[in-house]
Amino acid sequence: MLKSKKHVFWEAFFITVVIFLMGLLIGVAIEASRLNDINEFYAQSEISLLDIFTFNDLLKLGKINCEIIAEENIKFADRIYDEARLLSKYSSSEKITELSKSVHKKYDLMRTLLWINAIEAKDKCSSQPITVVYLYELETEDLAQKATQNVWSKILLELKEKKGNAILLIPISVDNDIASLRTLIEEYKIEKYPVLIIDNEDVVSELESVENLEKYLN
C-alpha cells in the first residue's frame, strides 16, 4: 500500500514537471516569435532612419527643401511610435527572457537619434513640426508613477490623433543606460519622470489633459 502511494506521488510529480517544462518551452517559443517580428520591424526602421540622415545631408547641399525633411521625420516618428506600442503590448505579458529589454534599448537609441535629427532640422528650417519628447521610466516599480505614465500615454495618443502632422511625438525610456541620451537630457536638470520636452525648450512635469498640453504647444 505504501509503495503504491509513493508510486502515485512520483507519477504525479513527473507529470507536473513535464507540463511545467512544456509550458516554459511554449512560452519561450512564443516570445522568440514575437521578437523575430519586432527585430524585422527594427531592421526596416533602421534603414528608414539612415535614409532620413541622408535627407539631412541633401538639405545641406541644397538638393531638397525643408518640407520634405518635415514629412519624412513625421512618417518615421509615426512608424516607430506604432512599433513601440506593439512592443509595449508584448512586454506587458509574462516575461520569460531578457531579450525584449535589448529590443527596447535599440528602439530608444533610434528615437534618440531621431530627436537629435529633429534638433538639427529645426536649426535649418523654421517650418518643422513641434517636437514633443516624452521621457519616462520603463522599469519603474512605483505604482503611482506607473499610473501617471499610463495616463500621460493616453493623453499623448489623443494629442497625436488631434494634431496629426503638426507634432513630432518621440517617446523614449530613460532607464536603458544610453549614454548619448543621458548627455542630451543633462542640460534640462530633470529630477523626476515622466516629463515632456517641447521644442527642446519647455519642460512639462504636470499633465492633466490634452487642453492643458495645448497651452504649451501654442
N, C-alpha and C. Protein backbone atom coordinates (compact mmCIF):
# COMPACT_ATOMS: atom_id res chain seq x y z
N MET A 1 0.83 -1.21 0.00
CA MET A 1 0.00 0.00 0.00
C MET A 1 0.87 1.26 0.00
N LEU A 2 1.91 1.25 0.85
CA LEU A 2 2.83 2.38 0.94
C LEU A 2 3.57 2.59 -0.38
N LYS A 3 4.01 1.48 -0.98
CA LYS A 3 4.70 1.56 -2.27
C LYS A 3 3.77 2.13 -3.34
N SER A 4 2.50 1.78 -3.27
CA SER A 4 1.54 2.26 -4.25
C SER A 4 1.37 3.77 -4.14
N LYS A 5 1.34 4.27 -2.88
CA LYS A 5 1.20 5.72 -2.66
C LYS A 5 2.43 6.46 -3.18
N LYS A 6 3.61 5.88 -2.92
CA LYS A 6 4.84 6.51 -3.41
C LYS A 6 4.86 6.54 -4.93
N HIS A 7 4.39 5.44 -5.52
CA HIS A 7 4.36 5.37 -6.98
C HIS A 7 3.44 6.45 -7.55
N VAL A 8 2.27 6.63 -6.93
CA VAL A 8 1.32 7.66 -7.37
C VAL A 8 1.93 9.04 -7.21
N PHE A 9 2.64 9.27 -6.09
CA PHE A 9 3.26 10.57 -5.82
C PHE A 9 4.30 10.91 -6.91
N TRP A 10 5.20 9.95 -7.18
CA TRP A 10 6.25 10.21 -8.18
C TRP A 10 5.67 10.35 -9.58
N GLU A 11 4.62 9.61 -9.85
CA GLU A 11 3.98 9.73 -11.15
C GLU A 11 3.37 11.12 -11.33
N ALA A 12 2.70 11.62 -10.28
CA ALA A 12 2.11 12.96 -10.31
C ALA A 12 3.20 14.03 -10.41
N PHE A 13 4.29 13.82 -9.69
CA PHE A 13 5.41 14.77 -9.72
C PHE A 13 6.02 14.84 -11.12
N PHE A 14 6.19 13.67 -11.72
CA PHE A 14 6.76 13.61 -13.08
C PHE A 14 5.87 14.33 -14.09
N ILE A 15 4.56 14.09 -14.00
CA ILE A 15 3.61 14.74 -14.92
C ILE A 15 3.64 16.25 -14.74
N THR A 16 3.72 16.70 -13.47
CA THR A 16 3.77 18.14 -13.17
C THR A 16 5.01 18.78 -13.79
N VAL A 17 6.16 18.10 -13.65
CA VAL A 17 7.41 18.63 -14.21
C VAL A 17 7.33 18.70 -15.72
N VAL A 18 6.79 17.66 -16.34
CA VAL A 18 6.66 17.64 -17.81
C VAL A 18 5.77 18.78 -18.29
N ILE A 19 4.63 18.98 -17.61
CA ILE A 19 3.71 20.05 -18.00
C ILE A 19 4.37 21.41 -17.83
N PHE A 20 5.12 21.58 -16.72
CA PHE A 20 5.81 22.85 -16.47
C PHE A 20 6.83 23.14 -17.57
N LEU A 21 7.63 22.12 -17.92
CA LEU A 21 8.66 22.30 -18.94
C LEU A 21 8.04 22.59 -20.31
N MET A 22 6.94 21.91 -20.62
CA MET A 22 6.26 22.15 -21.89
C MET A 22 5.73 23.58 -21.96
N GLY A 23 5.15 24.03 -20.83
CA GLY A 23 4.65 25.41 -20.78
C GLY A 23 5.76 26.42 -20.95
N LEU A 24 6.90 26.14 -20.31
CA LEU A 24 8.05 27.03 -20.40
C LEU A 24 8.57 27.11 -21.83
N LEU A 25 8.68 25.97 -22.47
CA LEU A 25 9.18 25.92 -23.85
C LEU A 25 8.23 26.63 -24.81
N ILE A 26 6.93 26.43 -24.61
CA ILE A 26 5.94 27.10 -25.46
C ILE A 26 6.04 28.61 -25.28
N GLY A 27 6.21 29.03 -24.00
CA GLY A 27 6.33 30.46 -23.72
C GLY A 27 7.55 31.06 -24.37
N VAL A 28 8.68 30.36 -24.29
CA VAL A 28 9.92 30.84 -24.92
C VAL A 28 9.75 30.92 -26.44
N ALA A 29 9.08 29.91 -27.02
CA ALA A 29 8.87 29.89 -28.46
C ALA A 29 7.99 31.05 -28.91
N ILE A 30 6.95 31.37 -28.12
CA ILE A 30 6.07 32.49 -28.45
C ILE A 30 6.83 33.80 -28.39
N GLU A 31 7.62 33.98 -27.32
CA GLU A 31 8.38 35.23 -27.19
C GLU A 31 9.42 35.35 -28.29
N ALA A 32 10.05 34.23 -28.64
CA ALA A 32 11.05 34.26 -29.72
C ALA A 32 10.40 34.67 -31.04
N SER A 33 9.19 34.18 -31.28
CA SER A 33 8.47 34.53 -32.49
C SER A 33 8.14 36.02 -32.51
N ARG A 34 7.69 36.53 -31.35
CA ARG A 34 7.39 37.96 -31.25
C ARG A 34 8.64 38.80 -31.49
N LEU A 35 9.73 38.39 -30.89
CA LEU A 35 10.97 39.15 -31.03
C LEU A 35 11.49 39.11 -32.46
N ASN A 36 11.27 38.02 -33.14
CA ASN A 36 11.64 37.95 -34.56
C ASN A 36 10.86 38.99 -35.36
N ASP A 37 9.56 39.09 -35.06
CA ASP A 37 8.73 40.10 -35.74
C ASP A 37 9.24 41.50 -35.44
N ILE A 38 9.53 41.77 -34.15
CA ILE A 38 9.97 43.10 -33.75
C ILE A 38 11.33 43.42 -34.36
N ASN A 39 12.22 42.45 -34.37
CA ASN A 39 13.54 42.68 -34.97
C ASN A 39 13.44 42.97 -36.47
N GLU A 40 12.46 42.36 -37.13
CA GLU A 40 12.24 42.66 -38.54
C GLU A 40 11.74 44.09 -38.70
N PHE A 41 10.81 44.51 -37.81
CA PHE A 41 10.35 45.90 -37.83
C PHE A 41 11.53 46.84 -37.61
N TYR A 42 12.37 46.48 -36.64
CA TYR A 42 13.51 47.35 -36.30
C TYR A 42 14.46 47.49 -37.48
N ALA A 43 14.72 46.39 -38.15
CA ALA A 43 15.65 46.43 -39.29
C ALA A 43 15.13 47.38 -40.37
N GLN A 44 13.81 47.33 -40.64
CA GLN A 44 13.23 48.23 -41.64
C GLN A 44 13.29 49.68 -41.16
N SER A 45 13.04 49.89 -39.87
CA SER A 45 13.07 51.25 -39.32
C SER A 45 14.49 51.81 -39.33
N GLU A 46 15.46 50.94 -39.10
CA GLU A 46 16.85 51.37 -39.12
C GLU A 46 17.23 51.88 -40.51
N ILE A 47 16.77 51.21 -41.54
CA ILE A 47 17.02 51.66 -42.91
C ILE A 47 16.36 53.02 -43.15
N SER A 48 15.13 53.17 -42.64
CA SER A 48 14.43 54.44 -42.80
C SER A 48 15.16 55.58 -42.09
N LEU A 49 15.72 55.29 -40.91
CA LEU A 49 16.46 56.31 -40.16
C LEU A 49 17.71 56.75 -40.94
N LEU A 50 18.42 55.80 -41.49
CA LEU A 50 19.60 56.14 -42.30
C LEU A 50 19.19 56.98 -43.51
N ASP A 51 18.03 56.68 -44.05
CA ASP A 51 17.52 57.44 -45.19
C ASP A 51 17.26 58.89 -44.78
N ILE A 52 16.73 59.08 -43.56
CA ILE A 52 16.45 60.42 -43.07
C ILE A 52 17.74 61.21 -42.88
N PHE A 53 18.78 60.57 -42.34
CA PHE A 53 20.06 61.25 -42.20
C PHE A 53 20.63 61.63 -43.57
N THR A 54 20.39 60.79 -44.56
CA THR A 54 20.83 61.12 -45.91
C THR A 54 20.07 62.33 -46.44
N PHE A 55 18.76 62.40 -46.12
CA PHE A 55 17.98 63.57 -46.50
C PHE A 55 18.57 64.85 -45.89
N ASN A 56 19.02 64.76 -44.64
CA ASN A 56 19.65 65.92 -43.99
C ASN A 56 20.90 66.36 -44.73
N ASP A 57 21.67 65.40 -45.18
CA ASP A 57 22.87 65.74 -45.96
C ASP A 57 22.49 66.40 -47.28
N LEU A 58 21.41 65.92 -47.90
CA LEU A 58 20.94 66.53 -49.14
C LEU A 58 20.45 67.96 -48.90
N LEU A 59 19.87 68.18 -47.70
CA LEU A 59 19.42 69.53 -47.35
C LEU A 59 20.61 70.49 -47.26
N LYS A 60 21.70 70.02 -46.68
CA LYS A 60 22.91 70.84 -46.58
C LYS A 60 23.44 71.21 -47.96
N LEU A 61 23.26 70.30 -48.91
CA LEU A 61 23.74 70.54 -50.27
C LEU A 61 22.74 71.34 -51.10
N GLY A 62 21.59 71.62 -50.51
CA GLY A 62 20.57 72.39 -51.23
C GLY A 62 19.82 71.58 -52.26
N LYS A 63 19.81 70.25 -52.10
CA LYS A 63 19.17 69.38 -53.09
C LYS A 63 17.68 69.16 -52.82
N ILE A 64 17.24 69.36 -51.56
CA ILE A 64 15.84 69.18 -51.22
C ILE A 64 15.40 70.34 -50.32
N ASN A 65 14.10 70.44 -50.05
CA ASN A 65 13.60 71.54 -49.23
C ASN A 65 13.17 71.07 -47.84
N CYS A 66 12.85 72.02 -46.99
CA CYS A 66 12.52 71.73 -45.59
C CYS A 66 11.25 70.90 -45.46
N GLU A 67 10.30 71.07 -46.39
CA GLU A 67 9.04 70.35 -46.31
C GLU A 67 9.25 68.84 -46.41
N ILE A 68 10.19 68.44 -47.24
CA ILE A 68 10.48 67.00 -47.40
C ILE A 68 11.05 66.44 -46.10
N ILE A 69 11.97 67.18 -45.48
CA ILE A 69 12.55 66.73 -44.20
C ILE A 69 11.46 66.57 -43.15
N ALA A 70 10.57 67.56 -43.05
CA ALA A 70 9.48 67.51 -42.07
C ALA A 70 8.58 66.30 -42.32
N GLU A 71 8.24 66.08 -43.58
CA GLU A 71 7.37 64.96 -43.94
C GLU A 71 8.00 63.61 -43.59
N GLU A 72 9.29 63.46 -43.91
CA GLU A 72 9.96 62.19 -43.65
C GLU A 72 10.15 61.95 -42.15
N ASN A 73 10.45 63.00 -41.40
CA ASN A 73 10.58 62.86 -39.94
C ASN A 73 9.27 62.42 -39.31
N ILE A 74 8.17 63.02 -39.77
CA ILE A 74 6.85 62.66 -39.25
C ILE A 74 6.52 61.20 -39.57
N LYS A 75 6.73 60.80 -40.82
CA LYS A 75 6.44 59.43 -41.22
C LYS A 75 7.25 58.44 -40.40
N PHE A 76 8.52 58.75 -40.19
CA PHE A 76 9.37 57.84 -39.43
C PHE A 76 8.95 57.79 -37.96
N ALA A 77 8.67 58.95 -37.38
CA ALA A 77 8.24 59.00 -35.97
C ALA A 77 6.95 58.22 -35.77
N ASP A 78 6.00 58.37 -36.69
CA ASP A 78 4.74 57.65 -36.59
C ASP A 78 4.97 56.15 -36.67
N ARG A 79 5.88 55.77 -37.54
CA ARG A 79 6.16 54.33 -37.71
C ARG A 79 6.72 53.72 -36.44
N ILE A 80 7.75 54.35 -35.87
CA ILE A 80 8.36 53.74 -34.69
C ILE A 80 7.48 53.93 -33.46
N TYR A 81 6.57 54.91 -33.49
CA TYR A 81 5.62 55.05 -32.39
C TYR A 81 4.65 53.87 -32.39
N ASP A 82 4.14 53.50 -33.57
CA ASP A 82 3.25 52.34 -33.67
C ASP A 82 3.98 51.06 -33.26
N GLU A 83 5.24 50.95 -33.67
CA GLU A 83 6.02 49.77 -33.29
C GLU A 83 6.28 49.74 -31.79
N ALA A 84 6.45 50.92 -31.19
CA ALA A 84 6.66 50.99 -29.74
C ALA A 84 5.43 50.52 -28.98
N ARG A 85 4.26 50.86 -29.50
CA ARG A 85 3.01 50.41 -28.86
C ARG A 85 2.90 48.89 -28.93
N LEU A 86 3.30 48.31 -30.06
CA LEU A 86 3.29 46.86 -30.20
C LEU A 86 4.28 46.23 -29.23
N LEU A 87 5.46 46.83 -29.12
CA LEU A 87 6.48 46.31 -28.22
C LEU A 87 6.01 46.38 -26.77
N SER A 88 5.35 47.47 -26.40
CA SER A 88 4.83 47.61 -25.04
C SER A 88 3.76 46.56 -24.75
N LYS A 89 2.96 46.26 -25.76
CA LYS A 89 1.93 45.22 -25.61
C LYS A 89 2.58 43.87 -25.35
N TYR A 90 3.64 43.54 -26.09
CA TYR A 90 4.35 42.29 -25.89
C TYR A 90 5.01 42.26 -24.51
N SER A 91 5.61 43.38 -24.11
CA SER A 91 6.37 43.42 -22.87
C SER A 91 5.48 43.36 -21.64
N SER A 92 4.20 43.74 -21.80
CA SER A 92 3.30 43.71 -20.67
C SER A 92 2.86 42.29 -20.32
N SER A 93 3.10 41.35 -21.24
CA SER A 93 2.78 39.96 -20.97
C SER A 93 3.86 39.34 -20.09
N GLU A 94 3.69 38.11 -19.68
CA GLU A 94 4.65 37.43 -18.81
C GLU A 94 6.02 37.38 -19.46
N LYS A 95 7.03 37.90 -18.78
CA LYS A 95 8.38 37.92 -19.34
C LYS A 95 9.10 36.60 -19.02
N ILE A 96 9.65 35.98 -20.04
CA ILE A 96 10.36 34.72 -19.84
C ILE A 96 11.85 34.89 -20.07
N THR A 97 12.21 35.75 -21.02
CA THR A 97 13.62 36.01 -21.28
C THR A 97 13.88 37.51 -21.15
N GLU A 98 15.16 37.89 -21.22
CA GLU A 98 15.55 39.30 -21.12
C GLU A 98 15.75 39.93 -22.50
N LEU A 99 15.43 39.18 -23.56
CA LEU A 99 15.68 39.68 -24.90
C LEU A 99 14.89 40.94 -25.23
N SER A 100 13.67 41.04 -24.69
CA SER A 100 12.84 42.20 -25.01
C SER A 100 13.47 43.49 -24.52
N LYS A 101 14.27 43.41 -23.45
CA LYS A 101 14.94 44.62 -22.94
C LYS A 101 15.94 45.17 -23.96
N SER A 102 16.67 44.28 -24.61
CA SER A 102 17.64 44.73 -25.60
C SER A 102 16.93 45.35 -26.80
N VAL A 103 15.76 44.82 -27.16
CA VAL A 103 15.00 45.39 -28.26
C VAL A 103 14.51 46.79 -27.89
N HIS A 104 14.02 46.95 -26.65
CA HIS A 104 13.61 48.26 -26.16
C HIS A 104 14.77 49.25 -26.26
N LYS A 105 15.94 48.80 -25.86
CA LYS A 105 17.11 49.69 -25.86
C LYS A 105 17.44 50.13 -27.28
N LYS A 106 17.36 49.22 -28.24
CA LYS A 106 17.64 49.57 -29.63
C LYS A 106 16.64 50.62 -30.14
N TYR A 107 15.38 50.44 -29.78
CA TYR A 107 14.38 51.40 -30.21
C TYR A 107 14.58 52.76 -29.53
N ASP A 108 14.95 52.75 -28.26
CA ASP A 108 15.19 54.01 -27.56
C ASP A 108 16.38 54.75 -28.14
N LEU A 109 17.40 54.02 -28.56
CA LEU A 109 18.54 54.64 -29.23
C LEU A 109 18.10 55.24 -30.56
N MET A 110 17.26 54.52 -31.29
CA MET A 110 16.76 55.02 -32.56
C MET A 110 15.95 56.29 -32.37
N ARG A 111 15.13 56.34 -31.33
CA ARG A 111 14.34 57.54 -31.05
C ARG A 111 15.23 58.70 -30.64
N THR A 112 16.30 58.38 -29.90
CA THR A 112 17.26 59.43 -29.52
C THR A 112 17.90 60.04 -30.76
N LEU A 113 18.26 59.20 -31.71
CA LEU A 113 18.83 59.68 -32.98
C LEU A 113 17.83 60.54 -33.74
N LEU A 114 16.57 60.13 -33.71
CA LEU A 114 15.52 60.92 -34.36
C LEU A 114 15.39 62.28 -33.69
N TRP A 115 15.46 62.32 -32.37
CA TRP A 115 15.39 63.57 -31.63
C TRP A 115 16.54 64.51 -32.04
N ILE A 116 17.75 63.95 -32.09
CA ILE A 116 18.92 64.75 -32.50
C ILE A 116 18.73 65.28 -33.92
N ASN A 117 18.21 64.41 -34.80
CA ASN A 117 17.97 64.83 -36.18
C ASN A 117 16.92 65.95 -36.24
N ALA A 118 15.90 65.86 -35.39
CA ALA A 118 14.86 66.89 -35.35
C ALA A 118 15.43 68.22 -34.87
N ILE A 119 16.35 68.17 -33.91
CA ILE A 119 17.01 69.40 -33.42
C ILE A 119 17.79 70.05 -34.56
N GLU A 120 18.54 69.24 -35.30
CA GLU A 120 19.32 69.77 -36.42
C GLU A 120 18.42 70.35 -37.51
N ALA A 121 17.31 69.65 -37.78
CA ALA A 121 16.38 70.13 -38.81
C ALA A 121 15.75 71.44 -38.40
N LYS A 122 15.46 71.58 -37.10
CA LYS A 122 14.84 72.81 -36.59
C LYS A 122 15.80 73.99 -36.74
N ASP A 123 17.09 73.74 -36.59
CA ASP A 123 18.08 74.80 -36.75
C ASP A 123 18.14 75.30 -38.19
N LYS A 124 17.89 74.39 -39.12
CA LYS A 124 17.98 74.75 -40.55
C LYS A 124 16.65 75.25 -41.10
N CYS A 125 15.55 74.74 -40.56
CA CYS A 125 14.23 75.02 -41.14
C CYS A 125 13.24 75.42 -40.04
N SER A 126 12.69 76.59 -40.12
CA SER A 126 11.72 77.05 -39.12
C SER A 126 10.36 76.40 -39.31
N SER A 127 10.14 75.78 -40.46
CA SER A 127 8.83 75.21 -40.77
C SER A 127 8.64 73.78 -40.26
N GLN A 128 9.54 73.31 -39.41
CA GLN A 128 9.45 71.94 -38.90
C GLN A 128 8.31 71.80 -37.88
N PRO A 129 7.75 70.59 -37.72
CA PRO A 129 6.68 70.39 -36.73
C PRO A 129 7.19 70.58 -35.31
N ILE A 130 6.27 70.78 -34.38
CA ILE A 130 6.62 70.92 -32.97
C ILE A 130 7.08 69.56 -32.44
N THR A 131 8.24 69.53 -31.82
CA THR A 131 8.79 68.28 -31.28
C THR A 131 8.32 68.08 -29.84
N VAL A 132 7.67 66.96 -29.58
CA VAL A 132 7.22 66.61 -28.22
C VAL A 132 7.93 65.32 -27.82
N VAL A 133 8.93 65.44 -26.95
CA VAL A 133 9.69 64.27 -26.49
C VAL A 133 9.15 63.85 -25.13
N TYR A 134 8.69 62.61 -25.05
CA TYR A 134 8.12 62.06 -23.82
C TYR A 134 9.15 61.14 -23.17
N LEU A 135 9.67 61.56 -22.02
CA LEU A 135 10.67 60.78 -21.28
C LEU A 135 10.01 60.10 -20.10
N TYR A 136 10.20 58.79 -19.99
CA TYR A 136 9.56 58.01 -18.92
C TYR A 136 10.48 56.89 -18.47
N GLU A 137 10.11 56.24 -17.38
CA GLU A 137 10.90 55.11 -16.86
C GLU A 137 10.16 53.81 -17.14
N LEU A 138 10.75 52.99 -17.96
CA LEU A 138 10.10 51.75 -18.39
C LEU A 138 9.97 50.74 -17.25
N GLU A 139 10.99 50.63 -16.42
CA GLU A 139 11.03 49.56 -15.43
C GLU A 139 10.75 50.03 -14.01
N THR A 140 10.07 51.14 -13.86
CA THR A 140 9.74 51.61 -12.52
C THR A 140 8.83 50.63 -11.80
N GLU A 141 9.04 50.51 -10.49
CA GLU A 141 8.19 49.67 -9.65
C GLU A 141 7.21 50.50 -8.85
N ASP A 142 7.29 51.81 -9.00
CA ASP A 142 6.41 52.74 -8.28
C ASP A 142 5.03 52.71 -8.94
N LEU A 143 4.03 52.24 -8.20
CA LEU A 143 2.69 52.08 -8.77
C LEU A 143 2.08 53.42 -9.16
N ALA A 144 2.34 54.45 -8.35
CA ALA A 144 1.82 55.78 -8.66
C ALA A 144 2.43 56.31 -9.96
N GLN A 145 3.73 56.07 -10.12
CA GLN A 145 4.40 56.53 -11.34
C GLN A 145 3.89 55.76 -12.55
N LYS A 146 3.67 54.46 -12.39
CA LYS A 146 3.12 53.66 -13.49
C LYS A 146 1.76 54.19 -13.92
N ALA A 147 0.92 54.51 -12.92
CA ALA A 147 -0.41 55.03 -13.22
C ALA A 147 -0.32 56.37 -13.95
N THR A 148 0.59 57.22 -13.49
CA THR A 148 0.79 58.52 -14.13
C THR A 148 1.23 58.36 -15.58
N GLN A 149 2.17 57.45 -15.81
CA GLN A 149 2.68 57.22 -17.16
C GLN A 149 1.60 56.65 -18.07
N ASN A 150 0.72 55.82 -17.53
CA ASN A 150 -0.39 55.30 -18.33
C ASN A 150 -1.32 56.42 -18.77
N VAL A 151 -1.60 57.34 -17.84
CA VAL A 151 -2.46 58.48 -18.15
C VAL A 151 -1.80 59.37 -19.20
N TRP A 152 -0.52 59.65 -19.01
CA TRP A 152 0.21 60.50 -19.96
C TRP A 152 0.22 59.88 -21.36
N SER A 153 0.42 58.57 -21.44
CA SER A 153 0.45 57.89 -22.73
C SER A 153 -0.88 58.06 -23.47
N LYS A 154 -1.98 57.96 -22.74
CA LYS A 154 -3.30 58.12 -23.34
C LYS A 154 -3.51 59.56 -23.82
N ILE A 155 -3.06 60.53 -23.01
CA ILE A 155 -3.20 61.94 -23.39
C ILE A 155 -2.38 62.24 -24.64
N LEU A 156 -1.16 61.70 -24.69
CA LEU A 156 -0.29 61.94 -25.84
C LEU A 156 -0.84 61.28 -27.11
N LEU A 157 -1.43 60.11 -26.96
CA LEU A 157 -2.05 59.44 -28.10
C LEU A 157 -3.22 60.28 -28.61
N GLU A 158 -4.01 60.82 -27.69
CA GLU A 158 -5.14 61.68 -28.07
C GLU A 158 -4.62 62.95 -28.75
N LEU A 159 -3.53 63.50 -28.22
CA LEU A 159 -2.93 64.70 -28.82
C LEU A 159 -2.47 64.42 -30.25
N LYS A 160 -1.80 63.30 -30.44
CA LYS A 160 -1.30 62.94 -31.77
C LYS A 160 -2.45 62.76 -32.75
N GLU A 161 -3.52 62.13 -32.31
CA GLU A 161 -4.68 61.93 -33.18
C GLU A 161 -5.33 63.27 -33.54
N LYS A 162 -5.27 64.21 -32.60
CA LYS A 162 -5.89 65.52 -32.82
C LYS A 162 -5.02 66.42 -33.69
N LYS A 163 -3.70 66.43 -33.44
CA LYS A 163 -2.80 67.36 -34.12
C LYS A 163 -2.17 66.78 -35.39
N GLY A 164 -2.10 65.47 -35.48
CA GLY A 164 -1.55 64.84 -36.68
C GLY A 164 -0.12 65.26 -36.94
N ASN A 165 0.14 65.71 -38.16
CA ASN A 165 1.50 66.04 -38.59
C ASN A 165 2.03 67.35 -38.04
N ALA A 166 1.22 68.04 -37.24
CA ALA A 166 1.69 69.29 -36.65
C ALA A 166 2.69 69.05 -35.52
N ILE A 167 2.71 67.81 -34.99
CA ILE A 167 3.67 67.49 -33.93
C ILE A 167 4.48 66.25 -34.29
N LEU A 168 5.69 66.23 -33.77
CA LEU A 168 6.58 65.08 -33.90
C LEU A 168 6.70 64.47 -32.51
N LEU A 169 5.99 63.36 -32.27
CA LEU A 169 5.94 62.74 -30.94
C LEU A 169 7.01 61.65 -30.84
N ILE A 170 7.90 61.81 -29.83
CA ILE A 170 9.02 60.86 -29.66
C ILE A 170 9.05 60.37 -28.20
N PRO A 171 8.50 59.19 -27.92
CA PRO A 171 8.61 58.63 -26.57
C PRO A 171 9.93 57.87 -26.38
N ILE A 172 10.61 58.14 -25.26
CA ILE A 172 11.90 57.47 -25.00
C ILE A 172 11.97 57.09 -23.52
N SER A 173 12.28 55.84 -23.23
CA SER A 173 12.51 55.45 -21.83
C SER A 173 13.93 55.81 -21.44
N VAL A 174 14.09 56.31 -20.21
CA VAL A 174 15.39 56.85 -19.79
C VAL A 174 16.20 55.87 -18.96
N ASP A 175 15.66 54.69 -18.70
CA ASP A 175 16.36 53.73 -17.83
C ASP A 175 16.97 52.58 -18.63
N ASN A 176 17.46 52.89 -19.83
CA ASN A 176 18.09 51.87 -20.67
C ASN A 176 19.59 52.09 -20.80
N ASP A 177 20.15 52.99 -19.99
CA ASP A 177 21.60 53.20 -19.93
C ASP A 177 22.18 53.56 -21.30
N ILE A 178 21.58 54.55 -21.94
CA ILE A 178 22.07 55.05 -23.22
C ILE A 178 22.84 56.35 -22.95
N ALA A 179 24.13 56.32 -23.15
CA ALA A 179 24.99 57.45 -22.79
C ALA A 179 24.64 58.72 -23.55
N SER A 180 24.36 58.58 -24.85
CA SER A 180 24.04 59.76 -25.66
C SER A 180 22.76 60.43 -25.18
N LEU A 181 21.76 59.62 -24.82
CA LEU A 181 20.51 60.16 -24.30
C LEU A 181 20.75 60.87 -22.97
N ARG A 182 21.52 60.23 -22.11
CA ARG A 182 21.83 60.82 -20.80
C ARG A 182 22.51 62.17 -20.96
N THR A 183 23.43 62.27 -21.90
CA THR A 183 24.12 63.53 -22.15
C THR A 183 23.16 64.58 -22.70
N LEU A 184 22.25 64.15 -23.57
CA LEU A 184 21.31 65.05 -24.21
C LEU A 184 20.35 65.69 -23.21
N ILE A 185 19.94 64.95 -22.19
CA ILE A 185 18.93 65.48 -21.26
C ILE A 185 19.55 66.12 -20.01
N GLU A 186 20.88 66.07 -19.87
CA GLU A 186 21.53 66.64 -18.68
C GLU A 186 21.22 68.12 -18.51
N GLU A 187 21.20 68.86 -19.61
CA GLU A 187 21.02 70.31 -19.55
C GLU A 187 19.64 70.70 -19.02
N TYR A 188 18.67 69.79 -19.05
CA TYR A 188 17.32 70.12 -18.62
C TYR A 188 17.12 69.99 -17.10
N LYS A 189 18.10 69.42 -16.40
CA LYS A 189 18.06 69.31 -14.93
C LYS A 189 16.77 68.64 -14.45
N ILE A 190 16.44 67.53 -15.06
CA ILE A 190 15.20 66.82 -14.71
C ILE A 190 15.42 66.00 -13.44
N GLU A 191 14.49 66.13 -12.50
CA GLU A 191 14.62 65.45 -11.21
C GLU A 191 13.73 64.22 -11.08
N LYS A 192 12.64 64.19 -11.83
CA LYS A 192 11.75 63.02 -11.76
C LYS A 192 11.04 62.85 -13.10
N TYR A 193 10.52 61.65 -13.30
CA TYR A 193 9.83 61.31 -14.55
C TYR A 193 8.42 60.83 -14.23
N PRO A 194 7.51 60.95 -15.19
CA PRO A 194 7.69 61.34 -16.59
C PRO A 194 7.75 62.86 -16.77
N VAL A 195 8.32 63.29 -17.91
CA VAL A 195 8.32 64.69 -18.31
C VAL A 195 8.18 64.77 -19.82
N LEU A 196 7.78 65.94 -20.29
CA LEU A 196 7.77 66.25 -21.71
C LEU A 196 8.76 67.36 -21.97
N ILE A 197 9.48 67.28 -23.08
CA ILE A 197 10.33 68.37 -23.54
C ILE A 197 9.76 68.83 -24.88
N ILE A 198 9.27 70.06 -24.91
CA ILE A 198 8.59 70.58 -26.09
C ILE A 198 9.48 71.54 -26.84
N ASP A 199 9.73 71.20 -28.10
CA ASP A 199 10.59 72.00 -28.98
C ASP A 199 11.95 72.30 -28.36
N ASN A 200 12.44 71.34 -27.56
CA ASN A 200 13.78 71.43 -26.97
C ASN A 200 13.93 72.62 -26.01
N GLU A 201 12.80 73.14 -25.53
CA GLU A 201 12.86 74.30 -24.63
C GLU A 201 12.04 74.07 -23.36
N ASP A 202 10.73 73.95 -23.51
CA ASP A 202 9.85 73.83 -22.35
C ASP A 202 9.86 72.41 -21.78
N VAL A 203 9.99 72.32 -20.44
CA VAL A 203 9.93 71.04 -19.74
C VAL A 203 8.62 71.00 -18.97
N VAL A 204 7.77 70.02 -19.29
CA VAL A 204 6.45 69.90 -18.66
C VAL A 204 6.46 68.69 -17.74
N SER A 205 6.21 68.94 -16.45
CA SER A 205 6.21 67.85 -15.48
C SER A 205 4.83 67.56 -14.90
N GLU A 206 3.85 68.38 -15.27
CA GLU A 206 2.47 68.17 -14.84
C GLU A 206 1.58 68.13 -16.08
N LEU A 207 0.77 67.10 -16.19
CA LEU A 207 -0.07 66.94 -17.38
C LEU A 207 -1.41 66.35 -16.96
N GLU A 208 -2.48 67.09 -17.28
CA GLU A 208 -3.81 66.65 -16.87
C GLU A 208 -4.72 66.31 -18.04
N SER A 209 -4.52 67.01 -19.16
CA SER A 209 -5.41 66.81 -20.30
C SER A 209 -4.74 67.31 -21.57
N VAL A 210 -5.35 66.99 -22.71
CA VAL A 210 -4.84 67.50 -23.98
C VAL A 210 -4.92 69.02 -24.01
N GLU A 211 -6.03 69.57 -23.47
CA GLU A 211 -6.20 71.02 -23.46
C GLU A 211 -5.09 71.70 -22.65
N ASN A 212 -4.72 71.09 -21.55
CA ASN A 212 -3.63 71.60 -20.72
C ASN A 212 -2.31 71.61 -21.50
N LEU A 213 -2.09 70.56 -22.28
CA LEU A 213 -0.85 70.44 -23.05
C LEU A 213 -0.84 71.41 -24.22
N GLU A 214 -1.99 71.66 -24.81
CA GLU A 214 -2.06 72.55 -25.97
C GLU A 214 -1.60 73.96 -25.64
N LYS A 215 -1.68 74.36 -24.38
CA LYS A 215 -1.22 75.69 -23.98
C LYS A 215 0.27 75.84 -24.27
N TYR A 216 1.01 74.76 -24.04
CA TYR A 216 2.45 74.80 -24.30
C TYR A 216 2.73 74.77 -25.79
N LEU A 217 1.92 74.07 -26.53
CA LEU A 217 2.13 73.97 -27.98
C LEU A 217 1.87 75.29 -28.67
N ASN A 218 0.97 76.07 -28.11
CA ASN A 218 0.62 77.35 -28.73
C ASN A 218 1.62 78.46 -28.38
